[in-house]
Protein backbone atom coordinates (compact mmCIF):
# COMPACT_ATOMS: atom_id res chain seq x y z
CA UNK A 1 0.00 0.00 0.00
CA UNK A 2 1.49 3.29 -1.08
CA UNK A 3 0.57 6.69 0.25
CA UNK A 4 0.84 9.54 -2.18
CA UNK A 5 1.42 12.99 -0.80
CA UNK A 6 -0.20 15.73 -2.86
CA UNK A 7 -0.17 19.48 -2.46
CA UNK A 8 -3.89 19.52 -1.69
CA UNK A 9 -3.48 16.92 1.02
CA UNK A 10 -0.56 18.79 2.52
CA UNK A 11 -2.47 22.10 2.50
CA UNK A 12 -5.54 20.46 4.05
CA UNK A 13 -3.44 18.89 6.81
CA UNK A 14 -1.70 22.21 7.50
CA UNK A 15 -5.01 24.08 7.75
CA UNK A 16 -6.47 21.41 10.04
CA UNK A 17 -3.46 21.58 12.35
CA UNK A 18 -3.50 25.38 12.36
CA UNK A 19 -7.19 25.56 13.32
CA UNK A 20 -7.11 22.84 15.98
CA UNK A 21 -5.72 25.00 18.85
CA UNK A 22 -8.43 27.62 18.27
CA UNK A 23 -11.07 25.11 19.33
CA UNK A 24 -9.40 24.68 22.70
CA UNK A 25 -8.66 28.37 23.33
CA UNK A 26 -12.24 29.61 23.34
CA UNK A 27 -13.26 32.30 25.79
CA UNK A 28 -15.82 31.75 28.51
CA UNK A 29 -19.43 32.30 27.43
CA UNK A 30 -20.73 35.74 28.31
CA UNK A 31 -23.60 36.01 30.81
CA UNK A 32 -24.98 39.57 30.87
CA UNK A 33 -27.51 40.60 33.51
CA UNK A 34 -29.63 43.70 33.14
CA UNK A 35 -31.51 44.97 36.19
CA UNK A 36 -33.27 48.25 36.93
CA UNK A 37 -32.56 48.18 40.66
CA UNK A 38 -29.36 49.47 42.22
CA UNK A 39 -26.35 47.43 43.22
CA UNK A 40 -27.35 47.77 46.89
CA UNK A 41 -30.77 46.11 46.45
CA UNK A 42 -31.24 42.81 48.30
CA UNK A 43 -31.59 40.82 45.08
CA UNK A 44 -28.48 42.43 43.65
CA UNK A 45 -26.45 41.66 46.76
CA UNK A 46 -27.62 38.04 46.68
CA UNK A 47 -26.62 37.70 43.03
CA UNK A 48 -23.19 39.22 43.65
CA UNK A 49 -22.47 37.21 46.81
CA UNK A 50 -23.97 33.83 45.88
CA UNK A 51 -24.56 33.47 42.14
CA UNK A 52 -21.51 35.25 40.70
CA UNK A 53 -18.91 33.16 42.59
CA UNK A 54 -20.71 29.93 41.65
CA UNK A 55 -20.51 30.60 37.90
CA UNK A 56 -17.15 32.41 37.81
CA UNK A 57 -15.26 29.26 36.77
CA UNK A 58 -17.14 28.68 33.52
CA UNK A 59 -18.81 31.96 32.43
CA UNK A 60 -17.93 35.65 32.28
CA UNK A 61 -20.68 37.22 34.42
CA UNK A 62 -21.38 40.90 33.70
CA UNK A 63 -24.06 42.58 35.83
CA UNK A 64 -25.45 45.94 34.66
CA UNK A 65 -27.45 47.84 37.30
CA UNK A 66 -29.85 50.82 37.21
CA UNK A 67 -31.02 50.07 33.67
CA UNK A 68 -27.69 51.07 32.14
CA UNK A 69 -27.63 48.29 29.53
CA UNK A 70 -31.34 48.19 28.55
CA UNK A 71 -34.25 50.38 29.61
CA UNK A 72 -36.94 48.96 31.88
CA UNK A 73 -39.44 46.92 29.89
CA UNK A 74 -37.10 46.14 26.99
CA UNK A 75 -35.20 43.29 28.65
CA UNK A 76 -37.44 40.47 27.40
CA UNK A 77 -37.14 41.65 23.80
CA UNK A 78 -33.37 41.86 24.22
CA UNK A 79 -33.31 38.26 25.50
CA UNK A 80 -35.44 37.15 22.55
CA UNK A 81 -33.05 38.87 20.11
CA UNK A 82 -30.02 37.28 21.78
CA UNK A 83 -28.58 40.58 23.04
CA UNK A 84 -29.07 39.70 26.72
CA UNK A 85 -28.90 36.48 28.74
CA UNK A 86 -30.42 37.36 32.15
CA UNK A 87 -32.79 39.94 33.58
CA UNK A 88 -34.49 40.72 36.87
CA UNK A 89 -37.97 41.86 35.87
CA UNK A 90 -41.15 42.53 37.76
CA UNK A 91 -44.07 40.14 37.37
CA UNK A 92 -46.52 43.00 36.78
PDB file of N, CA and C in Angstrom:
ATOM      1  N   UNK A   1       0.844  -1.169   0.000  1.00  0.00           N
ATOM      2  CA  UNK A   1       0.000   0.000   0.000  1.00  0.00           C
ATOM      3  C   UNK A   1       0.891   1.233   0.000  1.00  0.00           C
ATOM      4  N   UNK A   2       0.687   2.074  -0.977  1.00  0.00           N
ATOM      5  CA  UNK A   2       1.488   3.287  -1.080  1.00  0.00           C
ATOM      6  C   UNK A   2       0.631   4.499  -0.735  1.00  0.00           C
ATOM      7  N   UNK A   3       1.252   5.450  -0.104  1.00  0.00           N
ATOM      8  CA  UNK A   3       0.569   6.691   0.250  1.00  0.00           C
ATOM      9  C   UNK A   3       1.184   7.799  -0.580  1.00  0.00           C
ATOM     10  N   UNK A   4       0.323   8.447  -1.358  1.00  0.00           N
ATOM     11  CA  UNK A   4       0.837   9.543  -2.185  1.00  0.00           C
ATOM     12  C   UNK A   4       0.553  10.862  -1.479  1.00  0.00           C
ATOM     13  N   UNK A   5       1.533  11.700  -1.450  1.00  0.00           N
ATOM     14  CA  UNK A   5       1.423  12.993  -0.798  1.00  0.00           C
ATOM     15  C   UNK A   5       1.250  14.059  -1.876  1.00  0.00           C
ATOM     16  N   UNK A   6       0.072  14.690  -1.875  1.00  0.00           N
ATOM     17  CA  UNK A   6      -0.203  15.729  -2.865  1.00  0.00           C
ATOM     18  C   UNK A   6      -0.186  17.099  -2.195  1.00  0.00           C
ATOM     19  N   UNK A   7      -0.143  18.122  -3.006  1.00  0.00           N
ATOM     20  CA  UNK A   7      -0.166  19.477  -2.463  1.00  0.00           C
ATOM     21  C   UNK A   7      -1.483  19.762  -1.755  1.00  0.00           C
ATOM     22  N   UNK A   8      -2.581  19.298  -2.323  1.00  0.00           N
ATOM     23  CA  UNK A   8      -3.889  19.515  -1.692  1.00  0.00           C
ATOM     24  C   UNK A   8      -3.964  18.837  -0.332  1.00  0.00           C
ATOM     25  N   UNK A   9      -3.482  17.639  -0.256  1.00  0.00           N
ATOM     26  CA  UNK A   9      -3.481  16.921   1.017  1.00  0.00           C
ATOM     27  C   UNK A   9      -2.611  17.605   2.055  1.00  0.00           C
ATOM     28  N   UNK A  10      -1.472  18.094   1.619  1.00  0.00           N
ATOM     29  CA  UNK A  10      -0.562  18.792   2.521  1.00  0.00           C
ATOM     30  C   UNK A  10      -1.166  20.111   3.007  1.00  0.00           C
ATOM     31  N   UNK A  11      -1.818  20.850   2.114  1.00  0.00           N
ATOM     32  CA  UNK A  11      -2.470  22.104   2.499  1.00  0.00           C
ATOM     33  C   UNK A  11      -3.629  21.825   3.453  1.00  0.00           C
ATOM     34  N   UNK A  12      -4.419  20.800   3.178  1.00  0.00           N
ATOM     35  CA  UNK A  12      -5.544  20.455   4.050  1.00  0.00           C
ATOM     36  C   UNK A  12      -5.059  20.059   5.439  1.00  0.00           C
ATOM     37  N   UNK A  13      -3.994  19.293   5.509  1.00  0.00           N
ATOM     38  CA  UNK A  13      -3.444  18.894   6.808  1.00  0.00           C
ATOM     39  C   UNK A  13      -2.891  20.094   7.565  1.00  0.00           C
ATOM     40  N   UNK A  14      -2.249  21.009   6.866  1.00  0.00           N
ATOM     41  CA  UNK A  14      -1.701  22.208   7.503  1.00  0.00           C
ATOM     42  C   UNK A  14      -2.814  23.088   8.061  1.00  0.00           C
ATOM     43  N   UNK A  15      -3.874  23.270   7.289  1.00  0.00           N
ATOM     44  CA  UNK A  15      -5.005  24.080   7.748  1.00  0.00           C
ATOM     45  C   UNK A  15      -5.670  23.429   8.955  1.00  0.00           C
ATOM     46  N   UNK A  16      -5.849  22.118   8.916  1.00  0.00           N
ATOM     47  CA  UNK A  16      -6.469  21.414  10.039  1.00  0.00           C
ATOM     48  C   UNK A  16      -5.633  21.547  11.306  1.00  0.00           C
ATOM     49  N   UNK A  17      -4.334  21.440  11.178  1.00  0.00           N
ATOM     50  CA  UNK A  17      -3.465  21.581  12.348  1.00  0.00           C
ATOM     51  C   UNK A  17      -3.424  23.022  12.854  1.00  0.00           C
ATOM     52  N   UNK A  18      -3.530  23.976  11.949  1.00  0.00           N
ATOM     53  CA  UNK A  18      -3.501  25.378  12.357  1.00  0.00           C
ATOM     54  C   UNK A  18      -4.780  25.783  13.084  1.00  0.00           C
ATOM     55  N   UNK A  19      -5.908  25.205  12.703  1.00  0.00           N
ATOM     56  CA  UNK A  19      -7.185  25.561  13.319  1.00  0.00           C
ATOM     57  C   UNK A  19      -7.489  24.770  14.580  1.00  0.00           C
ATOM     58  N   UNK A  20      -6.820  23.686  14.822  1.00  0.00           N
ATOM     59  CA  UNK A  20      -7.108  22.843  15.983  1.00  0.00           C
ATOM     60  C   UNK A  20      -6.923  23.564  17.315  1.00  0.00           C
ATOM     61  N   UNK A  21      -5.858  24.331  17.547  1.00  0.00           N
ATOM     62  CA  UNK A  21      -5.722  25.004  18.846  1.00  0.00           C
ATOM     63  C   UNK A  21      -6.805  26.043  19.111  1.00  0.00           C
ATOM     64  N   UNK A  22      -7.387  26.618  18.081  1.00  0.00           N
ATOM     65  CA  UNK A  22      -8.430  27.620  18.270  1.00  0.00           C
ATOM     66  C   UNK A  22      -9.663  27.023  18.933  1.00  0.00           C
ATOM     67  N   UNK A  23      -9.918  25.755  18.706  1.00  0.00           N
ATOM     68  CA  UNK A  23     -11.066  25.113  19.326  1.00  0.00           C
ATOM     69  C   UNK A  23     -10.881  24.972  20.827  1.00  0.00           C
ATOM     70  N   UNK A  24      -9.663  24.846  21.281  1.00  0.00           N
ATOM     71  CA  UNK A  24      -9.402  24.684  22.703  1.00  0.00           C
ATOM     72  C   UNK A  24      -9.225  26.018  23.421  1.00  0.00           C
ATOM     73  N   UNK A  25      -8.957  27.080  22.711  1.00  0.00           N
ATOM     74  CA  UNK A  25      -8.661  28.369  23.328  1.00  0.00           C
ATOM     75  C   UNK A  25      -9.862  29.308  23.317  1.00  0.00           C
ATOM     76  N   UNK A  26     -11.059  28.766  23.373  1.00  0.00           N
ATOM     77  CA  UNK A  26     -12.239  29.608  23.336  1.00  0.00           C
ATOM     78  C   UNK A  26     -12.431  30.320  24.666  1.00  0.00           C
ATOM     79  N   UNK A  27     -12.977  31.525  24.592  1.00  0.00           N
ATOM     80  CA  UNK A  27     -13.259  32.295  25.794  1.00  0.00           C
ATOM     81  C   UNK A  27     -14.474  31.724  26.507  1.00  0.00           C
ATOM     82  N   UNK A  28     -14.643  32.155  27.740  1.00  0.00           N
ATOM     83  CA  UNK A  28     -15.815  31.747  28.506  1.00  0.00           C
ATOM     84  C   UNK A  28     -17.059  32.376  27.881  1.00  0.00           C
ATOM     85  N   UNK A  29     -18.194  31.688  27.922  1.00  0.00           N
ATOM     86  CA  UNK A  29     -19.430  32.300  27.433  1.00  0.00           C
ATOM     87  C   UNK A  29     -19.780  33.528  28.272  1.00  0.00           C
ATOM     88  N   UNK A  30     -20.382  34.497  27.643  1.00  0.00           N
ATOM     89  CA  UNK A  30     -20.735  35.742  28.313  1.00  0.00           C
ATOM     90  C   UNK A  30     -22.136  35.623  28.895  1.00  0.00           C
ATOM     91  N   UNK A  31     -22.314  36.033  30.138  1.00  0.00           N
ATOM     92  CA  UNK A  31     -23.605  36.009  30.814  1.00  0.00           C
ATOM     93  C   UNK A  31     -23.884  37.426  31.312  1.00  0.00           C
ATOM     94  N   UNK A  32     -24.670  38.179  30.526  1.00  0.00           N
ATOM     95  CA  UNK A  32     -24.977  39.568  30.866  1.00  0.00           C
ATOM     96  C   UNK A  32     -26.299  39.635  31.614  1.00  0.00           C
ATOM     97  N   UNK A  33     -26.313  40.388  32.704  1.00  0.00           N
ATOM     98  CA  UNK A  33     -27.511  40.596  33.515  1.00  0.00           C
ATOM     99  C   UNK A  33     -27.879  42.066  33.457  1.00  0.00           C
ATOM    100  N   UNK A  34     -29.134  42.336  33.135  1.00  0.00           N
ATOM    101  CA  UNK A  34     -29.634  43.702  33.145  1.00  0.00           C
ATOM    102  C   UNK A  34     -30.700  43.800  34.221  1.00  0.00           C
ATOM    103  N   UNK A  35     -30.549  44.779  35.113  1.00  0.00           N
ATOM    104  CA  UNK A  35     -31.513  44.974  36.191  1.00  0.00           C
ATOM    105  C   UNK A  35     -31.727  46.466  36.396  1.00  0.00           C
ATOM    106  N   UNK A  36     -32.967  46.838  36.742  1.00  0.00           N
ATOM    107  CA  UNK A  36     -33.270  48.254  36.929  1.00  0.00           C
ATOM    108  C   UNK A  36     -33.017  48.706  38.360  1.00  0.00           C
ATOM    109  N   UNK A  37     -32.837  47.777  39.278  1.00  0.00           N
ATOM    110  CA  UNK A  37     -32.556  48.177  40.656  1.00  0.00           C
ATOM    111  C   UNK A  37     -31.071  48.496  40.827  1.00  0.00           C
ATOM    112  N   UNK A  38     -30.751  49.089  41.961  1.00  0.00           N
ATOM    113  CA  UNK A  38     -29.362  49.474  42.223  1.00  0.00           C
ATOM    114  C   UNK A  38     -28.553  48.272  42.700  1.00  0.00           C
ATOM    115  N   UNK A  39     -27.267  48.482  42.788  1.00  0.00           N
ATOM    116  CA  UNK A  39     -26.351  47.427  43.219  1.00  0.00           C
ATOM    117  C   UNK A  39     -26.514  47.103  44.702  1.00  0.00           C
ATOM    118  N   UNK A  40     -27.159  47.983  45.458  1.00  0.00           N
ATOM    119  CA  UNK A  40     -27.347  47.765  46.892  1.00  0.00           C
ATOM    120  C   UNK A  40     -28.685  47.118  47.226  1.00  0.00           C
ATOM    121  N   UNK A  41     -29.503  46.811  46.240  1.00  0.00           N
ATOM    122  CA  UNK A  41     -30.768  46.114  46.447  1.00  0.00           C
ATOM    123  C   UNK A  41     -30.495  44.700  46.953  1.00  0.00           C
ATOM    124  N   UNK A  42     -31.434  44.137  47.724  1.00  0.00           N
ATOM    125  CA  UNK A  42     -31.236  42.806  48.304  1.00  0.00           C
ATOM    126  C   UNK A  42     -31.021  41.737  47.240  1.00  0.00           C
ATOM    127  N   UNK A  43     -31.763  41.812  46.151  1.00  0.00           N
ATOM    128  CA  UNK A  43     -31.590  40.823  45.080  1.00  0.00           C
ATOM    129  C   UNK A  43     -30.227  40.963  44.418  1.00  0.00           C
ATOM    130  N   UNK A  44     -29.790  42.192  44.248  1.00  0.00           N
ATOM    131  CA  UNK A  44     -28.476  42.431  43.646  1.00  0.00           C
ATOM    132  C   UNK A  44     -27.358  41.907  44.531  1.00  0.00           C
ATOM    133  N   UNK A  45     -27.465  42.151  45.821  1.00  0.00           N
ATOM    134  CA  UNK A  45     -26.453  41.663  46.761  1.00  0.00           C
ATOM    135  C   UNK A  45     -26.404  40.143  46.748  1.00  0.00           C
ATOM    136  N   UNK A  46     -27.577  39.505  46.715  1.00  0.00           N
ATOM    137  CA  UNK A  46     -27.619  38.040  46.681  1.00  0.00           C
ATOM    138  C   UNK A  46     -26.974  37.500  45.413  1.00  0.00           C
ATOM    139  N   UNK A  47     -27.225  38.144  44.292  1.00  0.00           N
ATOM    140  CA  UNK A  47     -26.622  37.695  43.034  1.00  0.00           C
ATOM    141  C   UNK A  47     -25.109  37.851  43.079  1.00  0.00           C
ATOM    142  N   UNK A  48     -24.638  38.980  43.597  1.00  0.00           N
ATOM    143  CA  UNK A  48     -23.194  39.217  43.645  1.00  0.00           C
ATOM    144  C   UNK A  48     -22.480  38.322  44.651  1.00  0.00           C
ATOM    145  N   UNK A  49     -23.130  38.016  45.770  1.00  0.00           N
ATOM    146  CA  UNK A  49     -22.475  37.214  46.807  1.00  0.00           C
ATOM    147  C   UNK A  49     -22.617  35.713  46.594  1.00  0.00           C
ATOM    148  N   UNK A  50     -23.722  35.271  46.019  1.00  0.00           N
ATOM    149  CA  UNK A  50     -23.973  33.828  45.884  1.00  0.00           C
ATOM    150  C   UNK A  50     -23.820  33.325  44.450  1.00  0.00           C
ATOM    151  N   UNK A  51     -24.521  33.971  43.518  1.00  0.00           N
ATOM    152  CA  UNK A  51     -24.560  33.473  42.142  1.00  0.00           C
ATOM    153  C   UNK A  51     -23.251  33.692  41.398  1.00  0.00           C
ATOM    154  N   UNK A  52     -22.724  34.910  41.461  1.00  0.00           N
ATOM    155  CA  UNK A  52     -21.509  35.247  40.699  1.00  0.00           C
ATOM    156  C   UNK A  52     -20.325  34.345  41.033  1.00  0.00           C
ATOM    157  N   UNK A  53     -20.033  34.070  42.309  1.00  0.00           N
ATOM    158  CA  UNK A  53     -18.908  33.163  42.590  1.00  0.00           C
ATOM    159  C   UNK A  53     -19.141  31.729  42.106  1.00  0.00           C
ATOM    160  N   UNK A  54     -20.407  31.301  42.073  1.00  0.00           N
ATOM    161  CA  UNK A  54     -20.708  29.930  41.647  1.00  0.00           C
ATOM    162  C   UNK A  54     -20.465  29.721  40.160  1.00  0.00           C
ATOM    163  N   UNK A  55     -20.655  30.747  39.352  1.00  0.00           N
ATOM    164  CA  UNK A  55     -20.512  30.602  37.903  1.00  0.00           C
ATOM    165  C   UNK A  55     -19.207  31.174  37.368  1.00  0.00           C
ATOM    166  N   UNK A  56     -18.380  31.728  38.244  1.00  0.00           N
ATOM    167  CA  UNK A  56     -17.154  32.412  37.807  1.00  0.00           C
ATOM    168  C   UNK A  56     -16.172  31.489  37.098  1.00  0.00           C
ATOM    169  N   UNK A  57     -16.207  30.187  37.384  1.00  0.00           N
ATOM    170  CA  UNK A  57     -15.260  29.260  36.768  1.00  0.00           C
ATOM    171  C   UNK A  57     -15.547  28.999  35.294  1.00  0.00           C
ATOM    172  N   UNK A  58     -16.816  29.096  34.886  1.00  0.00           N
ATOM    173  CA  UNK A  58     -17.142  28.684  33.522  1.00  0.00           C
ATOM    174  C   UNK A  58     -17.858  29.729  32.680  1.00  0.00           C
ATOM    175  N   UNK A  59     -18.223  30.883  33.234  1.00  0.00           N
ATOM    176  CA  UNK A  59     -18.808  31.964  32.430  1.00  0.00           C
ATOM    177  C   UNK A  59     -18.233  33.308  32.861  1.00  0.00           C
ATOM    178  N   UNK A  60     -18.310  34.268  31.969  1.00  0.00           N
ATOM    179  CA  UNK A  60     -17.930  35.647  32.284  1.00  0.00           C
ATOM    180  C   UNK A  60     -19.212  36.394  32.637  1.00  0.00           C
ATOM    181  N   UNK A  61     -19.455  36.593  33.929  1.00  0.00           N
ATOM    182  CA  UNK A  61     -20.680  37.219  34.419  1.00  0.00           C
ATOM    183  C   UNK A  61     -20.512  38.731  34.449  1.00  0.00           C
ATOM    184  N   UNK A  62     -21.426  39.442  33.783  1.00  0.00           N
ATOM    185  CA  UNK A  62     -21.378  40.903  33.702  1.00  0.00           C
ATOM    186  C   UNK A  62     -22.710  41.499  34.149  1.00  0.00           C
ATOM    187  N   UNK A  63     -22.816  41.932  35.403  1.00  0.00           N
ATOM    188  CA  UNK A  63     -24.064  42.580  35.833  1.00  0.00           C
ATOM    189  C   UNK A  63     -24.087  44.056  35.435  1.00  0.00           C
ATOM    190  N   UNK A  64     -25.248  44.527  35.019  1.00  0.00           N
ATOM    191  CA  UNK A  64     -25.449  45.937  34.662  1.00  0.00           C
ATOM    192  C   UNK A  64     -26.650  46.427  35.464  1.00  0.00           C
ATOM    193  N   UNK A  65     -26.421  47.365  36.385  1.00  0.00           N
ATOM    194  CA  UNK A  65     -27.453  47.839  37.303  1.00  0.00           C
ATOM    195  C   UNK A  65     -28.046  49.156  36.831  1.00  0.00           C
ATOM    196  N   UNK A  66     -29.170  49.533  37.438  1.00  0.00           N
ATOM    197  CA  UNK A  66     -29.853  50.820  37.211  1.00  0.00           C
ATOM    198  C   UNK A  66     -30.287  51.024  35.762  1.00  0.00           C
ATOM    199  N   UNK A  67     -30.553  49.957  35.050  1.00  0.00           N
ATOM    200  CA  UNK A  67     -31.020  50.071  33.675  1.00  0.00           C
ATOM    201  C   UNK A  67     -30.005  50.672  32.730  1.00  0.00           C
ATOM    202  N   UNK A  68     -28.718  50.461  32.986  1.00  0.00           N
ATOM    203  CA  UNK A  68     -27.695  51.069  32.137  1.00  0.00           C
ATOM    204  C   UNK A  68     -27.499  50.333  30.817  1.00  0.00           C
ATOM    205  N   UNK A  69     -27.820  49.050  30.767  1.00  0.00           N
ATOM    206  CA  UNK A  69     -27.634  48.286  29.531  1.00  0.00           C
ATOM    207  C   UNK A  69     -28.882  48.342  28.656  1.00  0.00           C
ATOM    208  N   UNK A  70     -30.052  48.103  29.254  1.00  0.00           N
ATOM    209  CA  UNK A  70     -31.338  48.190  28.551  1.00  0.00           C
ATOM    210  C   UNK A  70     -32.327  48.923  29.443  1.00  0.00           C
ATOM    211  N   UNK A  71     -33.239  49.667  28.841  1.00  0.00           N
ATOM    212  CA  UNK A  71     -34.254  50.377  29.611  1.00  0.00           C
ATOM    213  C   UNK A  71     -35.250  49.381  30.190  1.00  0.00           C
ATOM    214  N   UNK A  72     -35.941  49.804  31.251  1.00  0.00           N
ATOM    215  CA  UNK A  72     -36.938  48.956  31.882  1.00  0.00           C
ATOM    216  C   UNK A  72     -38.051  48.637  30.887  1.00  0.00           C
ATOM    217  N   UNK A  73     -38.401  47.371  30.804  1.00  0.00           N
ATOM    218  CA  UNK A  73     -39.442  46.922  29.891  1.00  0.00           C
ATOM    219  C   UNK A  73     -38.922  46.405  28.563  1.00  0.00           C
ATOM    220  N   UNK A  74     -37.658  46.605  28.265  1.00  0.00           N
ATOM    221  CA  UNK A  74     -37.101  46.139  26.995  1.00  0.00           C
ATOM    222  C   UNK A  74     -36.220  44.901  27.161  1.00  0.00           C
ATOM    223  N   UNK A  75     -36.100  44.410  28.400  1.00  0.00           N
ATOM    224  CA  UNK A  75     -35.197  43.290  28.653  1.00  0.00           C
ATOM    225  C   UNK A  75     -35.648  42.002  27.966  1.00  0.00           C
ATOM    226  N   UNK A  76     -36.954  41.725  27.998  1.00  0.00           N
ATOM    227  CA  UNK A  76     -37.443  40.473  27.404  1.00  0.00           C
ATOM    228  C   UNK A  76     -37.231  40.447  25.893  1.00  0.00           C
ATOM    229  N   UNK A  77     -37.413  41.578  25.238  1.00  0.00           N
ATOM    230  CA  UNK A  77     -37.142  41.646  23.804  1.00  0.00           C
ATOM    231  C   UNK A  77     -35.653  41.461  23.530  1.00  0.00           C
ATOM    232  N   UNK A  78     -34.815  42.013  24.390  1.00  0.00           N
ATOM    233  CA  UNK A  78     -33.367  41.857  24.221  1.00  0.00           C
ATOM    234  C   UNK A  78     -32.952  40.397  24.391  1.00  0.00           C
ATOM    235  N   UNK A  79     -33.588  39.694  25.326  1.00  0.00           N
ATOM    236  CA  UNK A  79     -33.307  38.264  25.502  1.00  0.00           C
ATOM    237  C   UNK A  79     -33.758  37.491  24.268  1.00  0.00           C
ATOM    238  N   UNK A  80     -34.932  37.832  23.743  1.00  0.00           N
ATOM    239  CA  UNK A  80     -35.445  37.147  22.553  1.00  0.00           C
ATOM    240  C   UNK A  80     -34.549  37.381  21.339  1.00  0.00           C
ATOM    241  N   UNK A  81     -33.948  38.563  21.230  1.00  0.00           N
ATOM    242  CA  UNK A  81     -33.050  38.866  20.114  1.00  0.00           C
ATOM    243  C   UNK A  81     -31.662  38.278  20.298  1.00  0.00           C
ATOM    244  N   UNK A  82     -31.343  37.829  21.516  1.00  0.00           N
ATOM    245  CA  UNK A  82     -30.019  37.282  21.779  1.00  0.00           C
ATOM    246  C   UNK A  82     -29.011  38.318  22.229  1.00  0.00           C
ATOM    247  N   UNK A  83     -29.477  39.517  22.584  1.00  0.00           N
ATOM    248  CA  UNK A  83     -28.585  40.579  23.039  1.00  0.00           C
ATOM    249  C   UNK A  83     -28.369  40.572  24.544  1.00  0.00           C
ATOM    250  N   UNK A  84     -29.123  39.744  25.266  1.00  0.00           N
ATOM    251  CA  UNK A  84     -29.070  39.703  26.724  1.00  0.00           C
ATOM    252  C   UNK A  84     -29.357  38.278  27.169  1.00  0.00           C
ATOM    253  N   UNK A  85     -28.710  37.848  28.250  1.00  0.00           N
ATOM    254  CA  UNK A  85     -28.902  36.482  28.736  1.00  0.00           C
ATOM    255  C   UNK A  85     -29.765  36.410  29.994  1.00  0.00           C
ATOM    256  N   UNK A  86     -29.676  37.389  30.887  1.00  0.00           N
ATOM    257  CA  UNK A  86     -30.424  37.364  32.148  1.00  0.00           C
ATOM    258  C   UNK A  86     -31.029  38.727  32.439  1.00  0.00           C
ATOM    259  N   UNK A  87     -32.150  38.703  33.177  1.00  0.00           N
ATOM    260  CA  UNK A  87     -32.786  39.943  33.583  1.00  0.00           C
ATOM    261  C   UNK A  87     -33.542  39.712  34.878  1.00  0.00           C
ATOM    262  N   UNK A  88     -33.626  40.747  35.690  1.00  0.00           N
ATOM    263  CA  UNK A  88     -34.490  40.719  36.866  1.00  0.00           C
ATOM    264  C   UNK A  88     -35.643  41.646  36.529  1.00  0.00           C
ATOM    265  N   UNK A  89     -36.809  41.067  36.266  1.00  0.00           N
ATOM    266  CA  UNK A  89     -37.966  41.860  35.873  1.00  0.00           C
ATOM    267  C   UNK A  89     -39.088  41.667  36.870  1.00  0.00           C
ATOM    268  N   UNK A  90     -39.991  42.612  36.890  1.00  0.00           N
ATOM    269  CA  UNK A  90     -41.154  42.533  37.758  1.00  0.00           C
ATOM    270  C   UNK A  90     -42.214  41.663  37.089  1.00  0.00           C
ATOM    271  N   UNK A  91     -43.021  41.012  37.897  1.00  0.00           N
ATOM    272  CA  UNK A  91     -44.074  40.138  37.369  1.00  0.00           C
ATOM    273  C   UNK A  91     -45.348  40.900  37.055  1.00  0.00           C
ATOM    274  N   UNK A  92     -45.319  42.198  37.035  1.00  0.00           N
ATOM    275  CA  UNK A  92     -46.518  43.004  36.783  1.00  0.00           C
ATOM    276  C   UNK A  92     -46.896  42.994  35.337  1.00  0.00           C
TER     277      UNK A  92
END
